[in-house]
PDB file of all heavy atoms in Angstrom:
ATOM      1  N   SER A   1       7.002  16.641  15.428  1.00  0.00           N
ATOM      2  CA  SER A   1       5.839  16.183  16.190  1.00  0.00           C
ATOM      3  C   SER A   1       5.943  14.729  16.649  1.00  0.00           C
ATOM      4  O   SER A   1       5.194  14.318  17.521  1.00  0.00           O
ATOM      5  CB  SER A   1       4.559  16.378  15.375  1.00  0.00           C
ATOM      6  OG  SER A   1       4.626  15.618  14.190  1.00  0.00           O
ATOM      7  N   ASP A   2       6.855  13.950  16.068  1.00  0.00           N
ATOM      8  CA  ASP A   2       6.958  12.542  16.446  1.00  0.00           C
ATOM      9  C   ASP A   2       8.406  12.090  16.306  1.00  0.00           C
ATOM     10  O   ASP A   2       8.913  11.941  15.188  1.00  0.00           O
ATOM     11  CB  ASP A   2       6.051  11.683  15.569  1.00  0.00           C
ATOM     12  CG  ASP A   2       5.937  10.246  16.047  1.00  0.00           C
ATOM     13  OD1 ASP A   2       6.775   9.803  16.867  1.00  0.00           O
ATOM     14  OD2 ASP A   2       5.006   9.558  15.595  1.00  0.00           O
ATOM     15  N   SER A   3       9.058  11.856  17.421  1.00  0.00           N
ATOM     16  CA  SER A   3      10.488  11.538  17.408  1.00  0.00           C
ATOM     17  C   SER A   3      10.806  10.176  16.795  1.00  0.00           C
ATOM     18  O   SER A   3      11.972   9.846  16.619  1.00  0.00           O
ATOM     19  CB  SER A   3      11.061  11.619  18.821  1.00  0.00           C
ATOM     20  OG  SER A   3      10.455  10.632  19.649  1.00  0.00           O
ATOM     21  N   LYS A   4       9.796   9.376  16.446  1.00  0.00           N
ATOM     22  CA  LYS A   4      10.048   8.102  15.771  1.00  0.00           C
ATOM     23  C   LYS A   4      10.455   8.310  14.319  1.00  0.00           C
ATOM     24  O   LYS A   4      10.922   7.382  13.670  1.00  0.00           O
ATOM     25  CB  LYS A   4       8.807   7.203  15.804  1.00  0.00           C
ATOM     26  CG  LYS A   4       8.446   6.681  17.174  1.00  0.00           C
ATOM     27  CD  LYS A   4       7.322   5.673  17.091  1.00  0.00           C
ATOM     28  CE  LYS A   4       6.068   6.311  16.539  1.00  0.00           C
ATOM     29  NZ  LYS A   4       4.880   5.468  16.589  1.00  0.00           N
ATOM     30  N   TYR A   5      10.297   9.528  13.807  1.00  0.00           N
ATOM     31  CA  TYR A   5      10.547   9.816  12.395  1.00  0.00           C
ATOM     32  C   TYR A   5      11.616  10.891  12.227  1.00  0.00           C
ATOM     33  O   TYR A   5      11.806  11.743  13.094  1.00  0.00           O
ATOM     34  CB  TYR A   5       9.261  10.281  11.709  1.00  0.00           C
ATOM     35  CG  TYR A   5       8.190   9.239  11.711  1.00  0.00           C
ATOM     36  CD1 TYR A   5       7.249   9.185  12.736  1.00  0.00           C
ATOM     37  CD2 TYR A   5       8.116   8.282  10.712  1.00  0.00           C
ATOM     38  CE1 TYR A   5       6.262   8.212  12.752  1.00  0.00           C
ATOM     39  CE2 TYR A   5       7.134   7.309  10.718  1.00  0.00           C
ATOM     40  CZ  TYR A   5       6.216   7.281  11.741  1.00  0.00           C
ATOM     41  OH  TYR A   5       5.253   6.305  11.749  1.00  0.00           O
ATOM     42  N   ALA A   6      12.288  10.842  11.095  1.00  0.00           N
ATOM     43  CA  ALA A   6      13.230  11.887  10.705  1.00  0.00           C
ATOM     44  C   ALA A   6      13.146  12.027   9.183  1.00  0.00           C
ATOM     45  O   ALA A   6      12.619  11.148   8.498  1.00  0.00           O
ATOM     46  CB  ALA A   6      14.648  11.529  11.132  1.00  0.00           C
ATOM     47  N   TYR A   7      13.666  13.131   8.689  1.00  0.00           N
ATOM     48  CA  TYR A   7      13.645  13.372   7.244  1.00  0.00           C
ATOM     49  C   TYR A   7      14.758  12.588   6.558  1.00  0.00           C
ATOM     50  O   TYR A   7      15.839  12.387   7.118  1.00  0.00           O
ATOM     51  CB  TYR A   7      13.800  14.859   6.949  1.00  0.00           C
ATOM     52  CG  TYR A   7      12.558  15.634   7.291  1.00  0.00           C
ATOM     53  CD1 TYR A   7      12.400  16.211   8.542  1.00  0.00           C
ATOM     54  CD2 TYR A   7      11.535  15.769   6.362  1.00  0.00           C
ATOM     55  CE1 TYR A   7      11.246  16.909   8.865  1.00  0.00           C
ATOM     56  CE2 TYR A   7      10.374  16.464   6.672  1.00  0.00           C
ATOM     57  CZ  TYR A   7      10.242  17.027   7.926  1.00  0.00           C
ATOM     58  OH  TYR A   7       9.097  17.715   8.242  1.00  0.00           O
ATOM     59  N   CYS A   8      14.457  12.142   5.348  1.00  0.00           N
ATOM     60  CA  CYS A   8      15.444  11.420   4.554  1.00  0.00           C
ATOM     61  C   CYS A   8      15.242  11.758   3.080  1.00  0.00           C
ATOM     62  O   CYS A   8      14.181  12.193   2.670  1.00  0.00           O
ATOM     63  CB  CYS A   8      15.350   9.916   4.781  1.00  0.00           C
ATOM     64  SG  CYS A   8      13.775   9.175   4.316  1.00  0.00           S
ATOM     65  N   LEU A   9      16.303  11.556   2.309  1.00  0.00           N
ATOM     66  CA  LEU A   9      16.246  11.685   0.862  1.00  0.00           C
ATOM     67  C   LEU A   9      15.988  10.299   0.305  1.00  0.00           C
ATOM     68  O   LEU A   9      16.660   9.342   0.673  1.00  0.00           O
ATOM     69  CB  LEU A   9      17.573  12.218   0.329  1.00  0.00           C
ATOM     70  CG  LEU A   9      17.727  12.292  -1.187  1.00  0.00           C
ATOM     71  CD1 LEU A   9      16.782  13.336  -1.767  1.00  0.00           C
ATOM     72  CD2 LEU A   9      19.160  12.613  -1.552  1.00  0.00           C
ATOM     73  N   TYR A  10      15.015  10.208  -0.568  1.00  0.00           N
ATOM     74  CA  TYR A  10      14.574   8.934  -1.120  1.00  0.00           C
ATOM     75  C   TYR A  10      14.632   9.020  -2.630  1.00  0.00           C
ATOM     76  O   TYR A  10      14.223  10.006  -3.211  1.00  0.00           O
ATOM     77  CB  TYR A  10      13.138   8.697  -0.647  1.00  0.00           C
ATOM     78  CG  TYR A  10      12.413   7.559  -1.285  1.00  0.00           C
ATOM     79  CD1 TYR A  10      12.561   6.274  -0.802  1.00  0.00           C
ATOM     80  CD2 TYR A  10      11.571   7.766  -2.372  1.00  0.00           C
ATOM     81  CE1 TYR A  10      11.879   5.216  -1.386  1.00  0.00           C
ATOM     82  CE2 TYR A  10      10.891   6.720  -2.963  1.00  0.00           C
ATOM     83  CZ  TYR A  10      11.044   5.440  -2.458  1.00  0.00           C
ATOM     84  OH  TYR A  10      10.384   4.398  -3.032  1.00  0.00           O
ATOM     85  N   PHE A  11      15.178   7.980  -3.285  1.00  0.00           N
ATOM     86  CA  PHE A  11      15.132   7.948  -4.748  1.00  0.00           C
ATOM     87  C   PHE A  11      15.031   6.521  -5.253  1.00  0.00           C
ATOM     88  O   PHE A  11      15.365   5.574  -4.559  1.00  0.00           O
ATOM     89  CB  PHE A  11      16.328   8.676  -5.380  1.00  0.00           C
ATOM     90  CG  PHE A  11      17.669   8.048  -5.109  1.00  0.00           C
ATOM     91  CD1 PHE A  11      18.144   6.994  -5.885  1.00  0.00           C
ATOM     92  CD2 PHE A  11      18.470   8.522  -4.094  1.00  0.00           C
ATOM     93  CE1 PHE A  11      19.379   6.425  -5.650  1.00  0.00           C
ATOM     94  CE2 PHE A  11      19.713   7.960  -3.847  1.00  0.00           C
ATOM     95  CZ  PHE A  11      20.169   6.905  -4.629  1.00  0.00           C
ATOM     96  N   LEU A  12      14.543   6.402  -6.477  1.00  0.00           N
ATOM     97  CA  LEU A  12      14.452   5.124  -7.184  1.00  0.00           C
ATOM     98  C   LEU A  12      15.525   5.094  -8.252  1.00  0.00           C
ATOM     99  O   LEU A  12      15.734   6.086  -8.935  1.00  0.00           O
ATOM    100  CB  LEU A  12      13.083   4.972  -7.845  1.00  0.00           C
ATOM    101  CG  LEU A  12      11.880   4.960  -6.920  1.00  0.00           C
ATOM    102  CD1 LEU A  12      10.596   5.094  -7.723  1.00  0.00           C
ATOM    103  CD2 LEU A  12      11.867   3.688  -6.113  1.00  0.00           C
ATOM    104  N   SER A  13      16.187   3.958  -8.424  1.00  0.00           N
ATOM    105  CA  SER A  13      17.250   3.902  -9.421  1.00  0.00           C
ATOM    106  C   SER A  13      16.711   3.835 -10.843  1.00  0.00           C
ATOM    107  O   SER A  13      17.384   4.239 -11.778  1.00  0.00           O
ATOM    108  CB  SER A  13      18.182   2.722  -9.159  1.00  0.00           C
ATOM    109  OG  SER A  13      17.515   1.499  -9.367  1.00  0.00           O
ATOM    110  N   LYS A  14      15.491   3.327 -11.044  1.00  0.00           N
ATOM    111  CA  LYS A  14      14.934   3.174 -12.391  1.00  0.00           C
ATOM    112  C   LYS A  14      14.334   4.453 -12.955  1.00  0.00           C
ATOM    113  O   LYS A  14      14.229   4.616 -14.151  1.00  0.00           O
ATOM    114  CB  LYS A  14      13.813   2.138 -12.387  1.00  0.00           C
ATOM    115  CG  LYS A  14      14.246   0.741 -12.259  1.00  0.00           C
ATOM    116  CD  LYS A  14      13.053  -0.122 -12.607  1.00  0.00           C
ATOM    117  CE  LYS A  14      13.001  -1.360 -11.789  1.00  0.00           C
ATOM    118  NZ  LYS A  14      11.874  -2.187 -12.151  1.00  0.00           N
ATOM    119  N   TYR A  15      13.840   5.319 -12.100  1.00  0.00           N
ATOM    120  CA  TYR A  15      13.062   6.475 -12.543  1.00  0.00           C
ATOM    121  C   TYR A  15      13.692   7.765 -12.047  1.00  0.00           C
ATOM    122  O   TYR A  15      14.391   7.781 -11.042  1.00  0.00           O
ATOM    123  CB  TYR A  15      11.630   6.394 -12.001  1.00  0.00           C
ATOM    124  CG  TYR A  15      10.962   5.094 -12.311  1.00  0.00           C
ATOM    125  CD1 TYR A  15      10.799   4.126 -11.332  1.00  0.00           C
ATOM    126  CD2 TYR A  15      10.505   4.812 -13.589  1.00  0.00           C
ATOM    127  CE1 TYR A  15      10.182   2.918 -11.611  1.00  0.00           C
ATOM    128  CE2 TYR A  15       9.896   3.605 -13.881  1.00  0.00           C
ATOM    129  CZ  TYR A  15       9.735   2.667 -12.886  1.00  0.00           C
ATOM    130  OH  TYR A  15       9.135   1.479 -13.170  1.00  0.00           O
ATOM    131  N   GLN A  16      13.411   8.840 -12.748  1.00  0.00           N
ATOM    132  CA  GLN A  16      13.860  10.150 -12.307  1.00  0.00           C
ATOM    133  C   GLN A  16      12.901  10.630 -11.217  1.00  0.00           C
ATOM    134  O   GLN A  16      12.008  11.424 -11.447  1.00  0.00           O
ATOM    135  CB  GLN A  16      13.895  11.128 -13.487  1.00  0.00           C
ATOM    136  CG  GLN A  16      14.449  12.490 -13.161  1.00  0.00           C
ATOM    137  CD  GLN A  16      15.920  12.459 -12.773  1.00  0.00           C
ATOM    138  OE1 GLN A  16      16.674  11.611 -13.215  1.00  0.00           O
ATOM    139  NE2 GLN A  16      16.323  13.382 -11.938  1.00  0.00           N
ATOM    140  N   LEU A  17      13.058  10.075 -10.048  1.00  0.00           N
ATOM    141  CA  LEU A  17      12.194  10.406  -8.918  1.00  0.00           C
ATOM    142  C   LEU A  17      13.045  10.498  -7.672  1.00  0.00           C
ATOM    143  O   LEU A  17      13.722   9.535  -7.312  1.00  0.00           O
ATOM    144  CB  LEU A  17      11.121   9.327  -8.721  1.00  0.00           C
ATOM    145  CG  LEU A  17      10.327   9.412  -7.421  1.00  0.00           C
ATOM    146  CD1 LEU A  17       9.414  10.636  -7.434  1.00  0.00           C
ATOM    147  CD2 LEU A  17       9.518   8.159  -7.195  1.00  0.00           C
ATOM    148  N   GLN A  18      13.057  11.642  -7.054  1.00  0.00           N
ATOM    149  CA  GLN A  18      13.715  11.800  -5.772  1.00  0.00           C
ATOM    150  C   GLN A  18      12.939  12.824  -4.965  1.00  0.00           C
ATOM    151  O   GLN A  18      12.393  13.756  -5.523  1.00  0.00           O
ATOM    152  CB  GLN A  18      15.187  12.208  -5.918  1.00  0.00           C
ATOM    153  CG  GLN A  18      15.442  13.565  -6.535  1.00  0.00           C
ATOM    154  CD  GLN A  18      15.496  13.511  -8.050  1.00  0.00           C
ATOM    155  OE1 GLN A  18      15.671  12.470  -8.639  1.00  0.00           O
ATOM    156  NE2 GLN A  18      15.325  14.650  -8.676  1.00  0.00           N
ATOM    157  N   ASN A  19      12.870  12.585  -3.679  1.00  0.00           N
ATOM    158  CA  ASN A  19      12.223  13.562  -2.825  1.00  0.00           C
ATOM    159  C   ASN A  19      12.707  13.417  -1.399  1.00  0.00           C
ATOM    160  O   ASN A  19      13.291  12.413  -1.020  1.00  0.00           O
ATOM    161  CB  ASN A  19      10.695  13.486  -2.916  1.00  0.00           C
ATOM    162  CG  ASN A  19      10.130  12.220  -2.300  1.00  0.00           C
ATOM    163  OD1 ASN A  19      10.848  11.284  -1.993  1.00  0.00           O
ATOM    164  ND2 ASN A  19       8.842  12.187  -2.121  1.00  0.00           N
ATOM    165  N   VAL A  20      12.464  14.459  -0.623  1.00  0.00           N
ATOM    166  CA  VAL A  20      12.762  14.451   0.800  1.00  0.00           C
ATOM    167  C   VAL A  20      11.450  14.172   1.506  1.00  0.00           C
ATOM    168  O   VAL A  20      10.453  14.855   1.273  1.00  0.00           O
ATOM    169  CB  VAL A  20      13.376  15.789   1.259  1.00  0.00           C
ATOM    170  CG1 VAL A  20      13.563  15.811   2.759  1.00  0.00           C
ATOM    171  CG2 VAL A  20      14.706  16.027   0.542  1.00  0.00           C
ATOM    172  N   SER A  21      11.446  13.136   2.323  1.00  0.00           N
ATOM    173  CA  SER A  21      10.225  12.738   3.013  1.00  0.00           C
ATOM    174  C   SER A  21      10.579  12.205   4.400  1.00  0.00           C
ATOM    175  O   SER A  21      11.737  12.236   4.801  1.00  0.00           O
ATOM    176  CB  SER A  21       9.485  11.670   2.192  1.00  0.00           C
ATOM    177  OG  SER A  21      10.313  10.533   2.037  1.00  0.00           O
ATOM    178  N   MET A  22       9.590  11.703   5.097  1.00  0.00           N
ATOM    179  CA  MET A  22       9.802  11.139   6.430  1.00  0.00           C
ATOM    180  C   MET A  22      10.205   9.675   6.328  1.00  0.00           C
ATOM    181  O   MET A  22       9.748   8.950   5.455  1.00  0.00           O
ATOM    182  CB  MET A  22       8.508  11.195   7.244  1.00  0.00           C
ATOM    183  CG  MET A  22       8.137  12.563   7.676  1.00  0.00           C
ATOM    184  SD  MET A  22       9.289  13.128   8.931  1.00  0.00           S
ATOM    185  CE  MET A  22       8.613  14.720   9.189  1.00  0.00           C
ATOM    186  N   GLY A  23      11.057   9.270   7.247  1.00  0.00           N
ATOM    187  CA  GLY A  23      11.416   7.868   7.376  1.00  0.00           C
ATOM    188  C   GLY A  23      11.346   7.477   8.832  1.00  0.00           C
ATOM    189  O   GLY A  23      11.605   8.302   9.720  1.00  0.00           O
ATOM    190  N   ILE A  24      10.977   6.246   9.086  1.00  0.00           N
ATOM    191  CA  ILE A  24      10.925   5.779  10.465  1.00  0.00           C
ATOM    192  C   ILE A  24      12.348   5.470  10.918  1.00  0.00           C
ATOM    193  O   ILE A  24      13.126   4.851  10.188  1.00  0.00           O
ATOM    194  CB  ILE A  24       9.966   4.584  10.633  1.00  0.00           C
ATOM    195  CG1 ILE A  24       9.728   4.306  12.099  1.00  0.00           C
ATOM    196  CG2 ILE A  24      10.457   3.369   9.885  1.00  0.00           C
ATOM    197  CD1 ILE A  24       8.487   3.498  12.365  1.00  0.00           C
ATOM    198  N   ARG A  25      12.724   5.949  12.084  1.00  0.00           N
ATOM    199  CA  ARG A  25      14.112   5.951  12.506  1.00  0.00           C
ATOM    200  C   ARG A  25      14.673   4.572  12.829  1.00  0.00           C
ATOM    201  O   ARG A  25      15.880   4.430  12.965  1.00  0.00           O
ATOM    202  CB  ARG A  25      14.277   6.895  13.689  1.00  0.00           C
ATOM    203  CG  ARG A  25      14.054   8.341  13.265  1.00  0.00           C
ATOM    204  CD  ARG A  25      14.077   9.291  14.397  1.00  0.00           C
ATOM    205  NE  ARG A  25      15.426   9.348  14.960  1.00  0.00           N
ATOM    206  CZ  ARG A  25      15.739  10.121  15.986  1.00  0.00           C
ATOM    207  NH1 ARG A  25      14.835  10.877  16.561  1.00  0.00           N
ATOM    208  NH2 ARG A  25      16.963  10.124  16.437  1.00  0.00           N
ATOM    209  N   ASN A  26      13.847   3.542  12.910  1.00  0.00           N
ATOM    210  CA  ASN A  26      14.412   2.222  13.187  1.00  0.00           C
ATOM    211  C   ASN A  26      14.804   1.482  11.911  1.00  0.00           C
ATOM    212  O   ASN A  26      15.239   0.346  11.964  1.00  0.00           O
ATOM    213  CB  ASN A  26      13.477   1.375  14.052  1.00  0.00           C
ATOM    214  CG  ASN A  26      12.206   0.972  13.346  1.00  0.00           C
ATOM    215  OD1 ASN A  26      11.899   1.465  12.265  1.00  0.00           O
ATOM    216  ND2 ASN A  26      11.447   0.091  13.958  1.00  0.00           N
ATOM    217  N   PHE A  27      14.677   2.131  10.737  1.00  0.00           N
ATOM    218  CA  PHE A  27      15.169   1.562   9.485  1.00  0.00           C
ATOM    219  C   PHE A  27      16.644   1.941   9.332  1.00  0.00           C
ATOM    220  O   PHE A  27      17.041   3.052   9.650  1.00  0.00           O
ATOM    221  CB  PHE A  27      14.399   2.118   8.282  1.00  0.00           C
ATOM    222  CG  PHE A  27      13.111   1.397   7.995  1.00  0.00           C
ATOM    223  CD1 PHE A  27      12.323   0.884   9.008  1.00  0.00           C
ATOM    224  CD2 PHE A  27      12.687   1.236   6.701  1.00  0.00           C
ATOM    225  CE1 PHE A  27      11.139   0.227   8.737  1.00  0.00           C
ATOM    226  CE2 PHE A  27      11.500   0.582   6.408  1.00  0.00           C
ATOM    227  CZ  PHE A  27      10.727   0.075   7.436  1.00  0.00           C
ATOM    228  N   GLY A  28      17.428   1.024   8.824  1.00  0.00           N
ATOM    229  CA  GLY A  28      18.841   1.299   8.587  1.00  0.00           C
ATOM    230  C   GLY A  28      19.015   1.889   7.197  1.00  0.00           C
ATOM    231  O   GLY A  28      18.958   1.167   6.206  1.00  0.00           O
ATOM    232  N   MET A  29      19.185   3.187   7.131  1.00  0.00           N
ATOM    233  CA  MET A  29      19.373   3.862   5.850  1.00  0.00           C
ATOM    234  C   MET A  29      20.807   4.391   5.760  1.00  0.00           C
ATOM    235  O   MET A  29      21.498   4.505   6.752  1.00  0.00           O
ATOM    236  CB  MET A  29      18.395   5.017   5.711  1.00  0.00           C
ATOM    237  CG  MET A  29      16.948   4.581   5.683  1.00  0.00           C
ATOM    238  SD  MET A  29      15.885   5.978   5.320  1.00  0.00           S
ATOM    239  CE  MET A  29      14.386   5.461   6.139  1.00  0.00           C
TER     240      MET A  29
END
């Protein structure tokens, strides 16, 4: 619905937390 966003895998190094969510495409991941 919005080409400014795409899906990404996100996790924290300290915690057992990971998920697939939206990211804004102008961030360098």
